[in-house]
Amino acid sequence: MKKLTKLGVVGNPVAHSYSPAIHELFAKQFGDNISYEKIEIPMGEFESAIGDLIDEEYFGINVTIPFKVDAYRCSTKCSS
């Protein structure tokens, strides 16, 4: 079995997101071993929460409202 890849969607609120179900079904079709979590971040804590996710070895996250501008501001590399 492939190594577990930790992924997630962050936002506030985020409980309504279908992203985990969609991504886990997609990964299963290709034999990928992922964990895709809904992660609600308290307002004003985006940057520290992202640091925690990096420390917890998350491979990637999707960012939803209201944190898109925060994500852009703390990015170290942006592409077109």
N, C-alpha and C. Protein backbone atom coordinates (compact mmCIF):
# COMPACT_ATOMS: atom_id res chain seq x y z
N MET A 1 0.84 -1.19 0.00
CA MET A 1 0.00 0.00 0.00
C MET A 1 0.88 1.24 0.00
N LYS A 2 0.45 2.23 -0.73
CA LYS A 2 1.18 3.48 -0.81
C LYS A 2 1.15 4.21 0.53
N LYS A 3 2.16 5.03 0.75
CA LYS A 3 2.25 5.84 1.97
C LYS A 3 1.03 6.77 2.05
N LEU A 4 0.54 6.98 3.26
CA LEU A 4 -0.60 7.87 3.49
C LEU A 4 -0.19 9.32 3.20
N THR A 5 -0.98 9.99 2.39
CA THR A 5 -0.78 11.40 2.10
C THR A 5 -1.87 12.19 2.82
N LYS A 6 -1.44 13.10 3.70
CA LYS A 6 -2.38 13.90 4.48
C LYS A 6 -2.75 15.18 3.72
N LEU A 7 -4.04 15.37 3.50
CA LEU A 7 -4.57 16.52 2.78
C LEU A 7 -5.74 17.09 3.57
N GLY A 8 -6.19 18.29 3.20
CA GLY A 8 -7.34 18.85 3.87
C GLY A 8 -7.89 20.08 3.19
N VAL A 9 -9.06 20.47 3.67
CA VAL A 9 -9.68 21.73 3.27
C VAL A 9 -9.84 22.55 4.53
N VAL A 10 -9.40 23.81 4.48
CA VAL A 10 -9.51 24.70 5.63
C VAL A 10 -10.46 25.85 5.33
N GLY A 11 -11.17 26.26 6.35
CA GLY A 11 -12.11 27.37 6.21
C GLY A 11 -12.80 27.64 7.52
N ASN A 12 -13.79 28.53 7.46
CA ASN A 12 -14.61 28.83 8.62
C ASN A 12 -15.90 29.47 8.13
N PRO A 13 -16.97 28.70 8.05
CA PRO A 13 -17.13 27.30 8.42
C PRO A 13 -16.64 26.37 7.31
N VAL A 14 -16.51 25.09 7.66
CA VAL A 14 -16.05 24.11 6.68
C VAL A 14 -16.84 22.79 6.79
N ALA A 15 -17.68 22.67 7.78
CA ALA A 15 -18.41 21.41 8.02
C ALA A 15 -19.26 20.98 6.83
N HIS A 16 -19.72 21.92 6.03
CA HIS A 16 -20.60 21.64 4.90
C HIS A 16 -19.85 21.11 3.66
N SER A 17 -18.54 21.12 3.68
CA SER A 17 -17.74 20.79 2.50
C SER A 17 -17.89 19.33 2.08
N TYR A 18 -18.02 19.12 0.79
CA TYR A 18 -18.03 17.78 0.20
C TYR A 18 -16.63 17.36 -0.26
N SER A 19 -15.66 18.23 -0.11
CA SER A 19 -14.31 17.95 -0.61
C SER A 19 -13.72 16.63 -0.13
N PRO A 20 -13.80 16.30 1.16
CA PRO A 20 -13.21 15.03 1.58
C PRO A 20 -13.81 13.82 0.86
N ALA A 21 -15.11 13.77 0.76
CA ALA A 21 -15.75 12.63 0.10
C ALA A 21 -15.35 12.55 -1.37
N ILE A 22 -15.34 13.67 -2.05
CA ILE A 22 -14.99 13.71 -3.46
C ILE A 22 -13.54 13.26 -3.68
N HIS A 23 -12.62 13.84 -2.92
CA HIS A 23 -11.20 13.54 -3.11
C HIS A 23 -10.86 12.11 -2.69
N GLU A 24 -11.49 11.61 -1.63
CA GLU A 24 -11.21 10.25 -1.21
C GLU A 24 -11.71 9.23 -2.23
N LEU A 25 -12.88 9.47 -2.84
CA LEU A 25 -13.37 8.58 -3.89
C LEU A 25 -12.47 8.61 -5.12
N PHE A 26 -12.03 9.80 -5.49
CA PHE A 26 -11.13 9.95 -6.63
C PHE A 26 -9.81 9.22 -6.38
N ALA A 27 -9.25 9.40 -5.18
CA ALA A 27 -7.98 8.75 -4.85
C ALA A 27 -8.12 7.23 -4.85
N LYS A 28 -9.24 6.74 -4.35
CA LYS A 28 -9.47 5.30 -4.31
C LYS A 28 -9.45 4.69 -5.71
N GLN A 29 -10.00 5.42 -6.69
CA GLN A 29 -10.02 4.94 -8.07
C GLN A 29 -8.62 4.72 -8.62
N PHE A 30 -7.66 5.45 -8.11
CA PHE A 30 -6.29 5.38 -8.60
C PHE A 30 -5.34 4.68 -7.63
N GLY A 31 -5.90 4.10 -6.57
CA GLY A 31 -5.09 3.37 -5.62
C GLY A 31 -4.24 4.24 -4.72
N ASP A 32 -4.58 5.50 -4.60
CA ASP A 32 -3.83 6.40 -3.73
C ASP A 32 -4.35 6.28 -2.30
N ASN A 33 -3.47 6.38 -1.34
CA ASN A 33 -3.80 6.27 0.07
C ASN A 33 -3.77 7.68 0.67
N ILE A 34 -4.95 8.29 0.82
CA ILE A 34 -5.00 9.66 1.33
C ILE A 34 -5.91 9.74 2.56
N SER A 35 -5.66 10.76 3.32
CA SER A 35 -6.54 11.20 4.38
C SER A 35 -6.87 12.64 4.03
N TYR A 36 -8.15 12.96 3.90
CA TYR A 36 -8.54 14.31 3.50
C TYR A 36 -9.52 14.83 4.55
N GLU A 37 -9.07 15.78 5.33
CA GLU A 37 -9.81 16.25 6.50
C GLU A 37 -10.44 17.62 6.28
N LYS A 38 -11.56 17.84 6.96
CA LYS A 38 -12.16 19.18 7.08
C LYS A 38 -11.52 19.81 8.32
N ILE A 39 -10.95 21.00 8.14
CA ILE A 39 -10.24 21.65 9.24
C ILE A 39 -10.79 23.07 9.39
N GLU A 40 -11.53 23.29 10.48
CA GLU A 40 -12.07 24.63 10.73
C GLU A 40 -11.06 25.41 11.54
N ILE A 41 -10.67 26.55 11.00
CA ILE A 41 -9.68 27.40 11.65
C ILE A 41 -10.41 28.61 12.26
N PRO A 42 -10.15 28.90 13.54
CA PRO A 42 -10.76 30.09 14.15
C PRO A 42 -10.28 31.36 13.44
N MET A 43 -11.16 32.33 13.37
CA MET A 43 -10.82 33.61 12.76
C MET A 43 -9.60 34.20 13.46
N GLY A 44 -8.69 34.77 12.68
CA GLY A 44 -7.49 35.39 13.22
C GLY A 44 -6.36 34.43 13.52
N GLU A 45 -6.54 33.14 13.23
CA GLU A 45 -5.51 32.15 13.56
C GLU A 45 -5.00 31.39 12.34
N PHE A 46 -5.22 31.92 11.15
CA PHE A 46 -4.86 31.20 9.93
C PHE A 46 -3.37 30.87 9.87
N GLU A 47 -2.53 31.86 10.04
CA GLU A 47 -1.09 31.64 9.86
C GLU A 47 -0.54 30.62 10.85
N SER A 48 -0.93 30.70 12.11
CA SER A 48 -0.43 29.72 13.09
C SER A 48 -1.00 28.33 12.81
N ALA A 49 -2.26 28.26 12.36
CA ALA A 49 -2.87 26.97 12.04
C ALA A 49 -2.14 26.31 10.87
N ILE A 50 -1.77 27.09 9.87
CA ILE A 50 -1.04 26.54 8.73
C ILE A 50 0.32 26.01 9.18
N GLY A 51 0.97 26.73 10.07
CA GLY A 51 2.24 26.25 10.63
C GLY A 51 2.06 24.91 11.33
N ASP A 52 0.96 24.76 12.06
CA ASP A 52 0.67 23.48 12.73
C ASP A 52 0.45 22.37 11.71
N LEU A 53 -0.27 22.67 10.63
CA LEU A 53 -0.52 21.65 9.60
C LEU A 53 0.78 21.22 8.92
N ILE A 54 1.68 22.16 8.71
CA ILE A 54 2.99 21.82 8.15
C ILE A 54 3.74 20.91 9.12
N ASP A 55 3.72 21.26 10.40
CA ASP A 55 4.38 20.42 11.42
C ASP A 55 3.77 19.02 11.48
N GLU A 56 2.46 18.92 11.20
CA GLU A 56 1.76 17.64 11.22
C GLU A 56 1.91 16.88 9.89
N GLU A 57 2.77 17.41 9.02
CA GLU A 57 3.13 16.78 7.75
C GLU A 57 1.97 16.66 6.76
N TYR A 58 1.10 17.68 6.73
CA TYR A 58 0.10 17.74 5.67
C TYR A 58 0.82 18.03 4.37
N PHE A 59 0.45 17.31 3.32
CA PHE A 59 1.07 17.47 2.02
C PHE A 59 0.48 18.65 1.27
N GLY A 60 -0.81 18.90 1.47
CA GLY A 60 -1.47 20.01 0.79
C GLY A 60 -2.83 20.28 1.38
N ILE A 61 -3.29 21.50 1.16
CA ILE A 61 -4.62 21.90 1.63
C ILE A 61 -5.30 22.75 0.57
N ASN A 62 -6.60 22.72 0.59
CA ASN A 62 -7.42 23.65 -0.17
C ASN A 62 -7.90 24.70 0.81
N VAL A 63 -7.90 25.93 0.38
CA VAL A 63 -8.29 27.04 1.24
C VAL A 63 -9.59 27.62 0.74
N THR A 64 -10.55 27.77 1.64
CA THR A 64 -11.83 28.34 1.27
C THR A 64 -12.07 29.61 2.08
N ILE A 65 -13.17 30.22 1.79
CA ILE A 65 -13.54 31.47 2.46
C ILE A 65 -13.61 31.22 3.96
N PRO A 66 -13.14 32.11 4.77
CA PRO A 66 -12.70 33.47 4.48
C PRO A 66 -11.18 33.64 4.44
N PHE A 67 -10.44 32.58 4.15
CA PHE A 67 -8.99 32.63 4.32
C PHE A 67 -8.17 32.74 3.03
N LYS A 68 -8.79 32.98 1.91
CA LYS A 68 -8.04 33.03 0.65
C LYS A 68 -7.00 34.14 0.63
N VAL A 69 -7.35 35.32 1.12
CA VAL A 69 -6.39 36.43 1.15
C VAL A 69 -5.28 36.12 2.15
N ASP A 70 -5.62 35.54 3.29
CA ASP A 70 -4.60 35.15 4.28
C ASP A 70 -3.60 34.17 3.66
N ALA A 71 -4.12 33.22 2.89
CA ALA A 71 -3.25 32.22 2.25
C ALA A 71 -2.29 32.90 1.28
N TYR A 72 -2.80 33.84 0.51
CA TYR A 72 -1.94 34.56 -0.43
C TYR A 72 -0.86 35.33 0.31
N ARG A 73 -1.23 35.98 1.40
CA ARG A 73 -0.28 36.81 2.15
C ARG A 73 0.84 36.00 2.79
N CYS A 74 0.55 34.78 3.22
CA CYS A 74 1.61 34.01 3.89
C CYS A 74 2.29 33.02 2.95
N SER A 75 1.94 33.04 1.67
CA SER A 75 2.58 32.16 0.71
C SER A 75 4.03 32.59 0.49
N THR A 76 4.88 31.60 0.31
CA THR A 76 6.26 31.91 0.00
C THR A 76 6.55 31.78 -1.48
N LYS A 77 5.61 31.13 -2.19
CA LYS A 77 5.76 30.97 -3.63
C LYS A 77 4.36 30.94 -4.25
N CYS A 78 4.14 31.78 -5.22
CA CYS A 78 2.86 31.80 -5.94
C CYS A 78 3.11 31.60 -7.42
N SER A 79 2.22 30.88 -8.05
CA SER A 79 2.34 30.67 -9.49
C SER A 79 1.10 31.23 -10.19
N SER A 80 1.19 31.39 -11.48
CA SER A 80 0.05 31.93 -12.20
C SER A 80 -1.07 30.91 -12.24
